[in-house]
Amino acid sequence: HEVERIKEVRRDAKILIALGTCATSGGVQALRNFADHKVYASKVYEHPEFLHYLPTSTPIAEHVAVDLELWGCPVNKRQVLEIITALLNNRRPNLPQYSVCLECKRSGTVCVLVDKGIPCMGPATQAGCGAICPSNGRGCYGCFGPAKSTNVDSLVHILRNAERMPGETERLFRGISGNAPAFQMAAESFISKEKK
């Protein structure tokens, strides 16, 4: 039903904006794309046979043309206001085009990956959250999706060296934005290298 509904929305809308990581890459629900979703359901629900759900989680853009994507889990309210203002003024929205690392540097946050050895997706993740996780001593989870022009292979190498438990790097790339092509390719590349 969701696919038909978004097709109707696209047909009737002048501008379609995918708002949030669930809309832009499938979000947390996309974890089902990497495992047997029936196993997940049986562990969470007492009677999974009564559930009706799609076998995969997909971004809106996989089904219809999207004019603008705003990543985030949750989205940044300032970015939402910027998009609305830009549309009302007939201009292109001014959204960050750099990684979370720059947000850390601007706020004076110590790099959790380099200085503390905590695995962090910040170098490969689009800015917009204000580096909330690193500023609280945690690694970035990649909620705002892949940053443009990121050297993901280099980050994979660094994260593998910082792993605290086996498979941690793969889990990071298959997290909240794991269905985003850049993160998905990194996870698959990592798995294929491990099998060699």
Protein backbone atom coordinates (compact mmCIF):
# COMPACT_ATOMS: atom_id res chain seq x y z
CA HIS A 1 0.00 0.00 0.00
CA GLU A 2 2.87 2.38 0.77
CA VAL A 3 4.28 2.24 -2.77
CA GLU A 4 0.90 3.05 -4.33
CA ARG A 5 0.42 5.87 -1.84
CA ILE A 6 3.78 7.52 -2.56
CA LYS A 7 3.10 7.24 -6.30
CA GLU A 8 -0.16 9.15 -5.76
CA VAL A 9 1.66 11.76 -3.68
CA ARG A 10 4.28 12.17 -6.42
CA ARG A 11 1.62 12.51 -9.08
CA ASP A 12 -0.21 15.24 -7.10
CA ALA A 13 2.83 17.08 -5.70
CA LYS A 14 4.76 19.84 -7.39
CA ILE A 15 7.77 19.15 -5.14
CA LEU A 16 8.47 15.92 -3.26
CA ILE A 17 10.93 15.96 -0.37
CA ALA A 18 12.10 12.74 1.28
CA LEU A 19 12.28 13.79 4.92
CA GLY A 20 14.42 11.76 7.33
CA THR A 21 16.63 8.71 7.08
CA CYS A 22 13.68 6.31 6.85
CA ALA A 23 12.52 8.12 3.70
CA THR A 24 15.99 8.59 2.20
CA SER A 25 17.50 5.14 2.78
CA GLY A 26 15.00 2.95 4.59
CA GLY A 27 16.27 3.79 8.09
CA VAL A 28 16.57 1.30 10.92
CA GLN A 29 13.92 -0.86 9.27
CA ALA A 30 16.42 -1.54 6.46
CA LEU A 31 18.29 -3.85 8.84
CA ARG A 32 15.85 -6.47 7.59
CA ASN A 33 17.53 -6.20 4.17
CA PHE A 34 20.68 -7.80 5.57
CA ALA A 35 19.14 -10.71 7.46
CA ASP A 36 16.08 -12.95 7.60
CA HIS A 37 13.34 -10.57 8.75
CA LYS A 38 11.22 -13.52 9.90
CA VAL A 39 13.87 -14.34 12.50
CA TYR A 40 13.74 -10.74 13.79
CA ALA A 41 9.95 -10.86 14.02
CA SER A 42 9.94 -14.19 15.86
CA LYS A 43 12.35 -12.83 18.48
CA VAL A 44 10.36 -9.63 19.05
CA TYR A 45 6.72 -10.70 18.72
CA GLU A 46 4.94 -13.56 20.45
CA HIS A 47 2.74 -14.20 17.38
CA PRO A 48 4.68 -13.02 14.31
CA GLU A 49 2.31 -14.92 12.02
CA PHE A 50 -0.19 -12.05 12.44
CA LEU A 51 2.24 -9.43 11.13
CA HIS A 52 1.99 -8.09 7.61
CA TYR A 53 5.11 -6.31 6.41
CA LEU A 54 7.27 -5.84 3.37
CA PRO A 55 10.27 -8.16 3.03
CA THR A 56 12.60 -5.19 2.44
CA SER A 57 12.79 -1.54 3.42
CA THR A 58 13.52 0.86 0.58
CA PRO A 59 14.00 4.60 0.12
CA ILE A 60 11.22 6.61 -1.50
CA ALA A 61 13.54 7.44 -4.42
CA GLU A 62 13.56 3.77 -5.38
CA HIS A 63 9.89 4.11 -6.32
CA VAL A 64 9.37 7.71 -7.49
CA ALA A 65 11.38 10.77 -8.46
CA VAL A 66 12.37 12.82 -5.40
CA ASP A 67 13.21 16.52 -5.72
CA LEU A 68 15.16 16.85 -2.48
CA GLU A 69 16.39 14.53 0.26
CA LEU A 70 16.85 15.66 3.84
CA TRP A 71 18.65 13.03 5.87
CA GLY A 72 18.65 12.68 9.63
CA CYS A 73 17.31 10.58 12.46
CA PRO A 74 15.78 12.85 13.51
CA VAL A 75 16.03 15.59 10.90
CA ASN A 76 17.56 18.91 11.92
CA LYS A 77 14.80 21.49 12.45
CA ARG A 78 17.05 24.30 11.18
CA GLN A 79 17.50 22.39 7.93
CA VAL A 80 13.74 21.90 7.61
CA LEU A 81 13.23 25.65 8.10
CA GLU A 82 15.99 26.36 5.55
CA ILE A 83 14.24 24.17 2.98
CA ILE A 84 10.87 25.85 3.57
CA THR A 85 12.44 29.32 3.41
CA ALA A 86 14.36 28.45 0.24
CA LEU A 87 11.27 27.08 -1.48
CA LEU A 88 9.22 30.14 -0.52
CA ASN A 89 11.97 32.39 -1.90
CA ASN A 90 12.48 30.33 -5.06
CA ARG A 91 16.12 29.47 -4.31
CA ARG A 92 18.10 26.32 -3.71
CA PRO A 93 18.40 25.31 -0.01
CA ASN A 94 21.78 25.97 1.59
CA LEU A 95 22.53 22.70 3.37
CA PRO A 96 25.90 21.47 4.65
CA GLN A 97 28.04 19.62 2.10
CA TYR A 98 30.71 18.36 4.49
CA SER A 99 31.15 15.60 7.07
CA VAL A 100 30.41 15.48 10.79
CA CYS A 101 34.16 15.87 11.42
CA LEU A 102 33.95 19.55 10.48
CA GLU A 103 31.14 20.03 13.00
CA CYS A 104 33.39 18.48 15.67
CA LYS A 105 36.29 20.77 14.75
CA ARG A 106 34.07 23.87 14.76
CA SER A 107 32.68 23.05 18.20
CA GLY A 108 36.06 22.10 19.68
CA THR A 109 35.00 18.48 20.21
CA VAL A 110 37.94 16.09 20.60
CA CYS A 111 38.01 13.44 17.85
CA VAL A 112 36.70 10.27 19.48
CA LEU A 113 38.15 8.11 16.70
CA VAL A 114 41.71 9.50 16.71
CA ASP A 115 42.10 10.51 20.36
CA LYS A 116 40.01 7.85 22.12
CA GLY A 117 39.99 4.96 19.63
CA ILE A 118 36.18 4.87 19.60
CA PRO A 119 34.80 3.68 16.24
CA CYS A 120 33.07 6.64 14.58
CA MET A 121 31.25 7.12 11.26
CA GLY A 122 31.79 10.91 11.39
CA PRO A 123 34.37 11.07 8.56
CA ALA A 124 31.89 9.44 6.15
CA THR A 125 28.66 11.00 7.45
CA GLN A 126 26.91 14.13 6.17
CA ALA A 127 26.87 17.01 8.67
CA GLY A 128 23.63 18.28 10.11
CA CYS A 129 23.28 16.86 13.59
CA GLY A 130 25.74 19.22 15.27
CA ALA A 131 28.00 16.24 16.07
CA ILE A 132 25.72 15.27 18.95
CA CYS A 133 27.20 11.79 19.45
CA PRO A 134 30.92 12.74 19.40
CA SER A 135 30.24 15.77 21.63
CA ASN A 136 28.87 13.27 24.16
CA GLY A 137 31.90 10.98 23.92
CA ARG A 138 30.33 8.46 21.52
CA GLY A 139 31.16 7.64 17.94
CA CYS A 140 28.86 8.89 15.18
CA TYR A 141 26.31 6.31 14.01
CA GLY A 142 25.83 7.79 10.53
CA CYS A 143 22.24 9.01 11.01
CA PHE A 144 22.60 11.77 8.41
CA GLY A 145 23.72 9.37 5.68
CA PRO A 146 26.88 9.34 3.58
CA ALA A 147 28.74 12.60 3.02
CA LYS A 148 29.64 13.53 -0.53
CA SER A 149 33.17 12.73 -1.75
CA THR A 150 34.17 10.61 1.23
CA ASN A 151 37.01 8.10 1.15
CA VAL A 152 34.98 5.25 2.62
CA ASP A 153 37.72 2.66 1.95
CA SER A 154 40.15 4.63 4.10
CA LEU A 155 37.60 4.88 6.90
CA VAL A 156 36.97 1.12 6.72
CA HIS A 157 40.72 0.55 7.20
CA ILE A 158 40.85 2.93 10.18
CA LEU A 159 37.72 1.43 11.77
CA ARG A 160 39.01 -2.11 11.39
CA ASN A 161 42.09 -1.10 13.37
CA ALA A 162 39.88 0.50 16.05
CA GLU A 163 37.48 -2.45 16.37
CA ARG A 164 36.79 -3.48 19.93
CA MET A 165 34.91 -6.62 18.88
CA PRO A 166 34.76 -8.68 15.67
CA GLY A 167 32.27 -7.40 13.10
CA GLU A 168 31.96 -3.94 14.64
CA THR A 169 32.91 -2.14 11.41
CA GLU A 170 30.33 -4.04 9.38
CA ARG A 171 27.65 -3.27 12.00
CA LEU A 172 28.50 0.44 11.84
CA PHE A 173 28.10 0.54 8.06
CA ARG A 174 24.90 -1.51 8.29
CA GLY A 175 23.35 0.73 10.93
CA ILE A 176 20.79 3.52 10.69
CA SER A 177 21.78 4.52 7.14
CA GLY A 178 23.04 1.08 6.13
CA ASN A 179 20.84 0.89 3.05
CA ALA A 180 22.45 4.02 1.57
CA PRO A 181 24.49 2.86 -1.46
CA ALA A 182 27.87 4.19 -0.22
CA PHE A 183 27.50 2.51 3.19
CA GLN A 184 26.05 -0.66 1.71
CA MET A 185 28.95 -1.00 -0.75
CA ALA A 186 31.45 -0.45 2.08
CA ALA A 187 29.84 -3.17 4.20
CA GLU A 188 29.75 -5.61 1.28
CA SER A 189 33.35 -4.80 0.37
CA PHE A 190 34.39 -5.35 3.96
CA ILE A 191 32.64 -8.72 4.09
CA SER A 192 34.16 -9.89 0.79
CA LYS A 193 37.67 -8.91 1.98
CA GLU A 194 37.14 -10.80 5.23
CA LYS A 195 36.18 -13.97 3.34
CA LYS A 196 39.43 -13.94 1.33
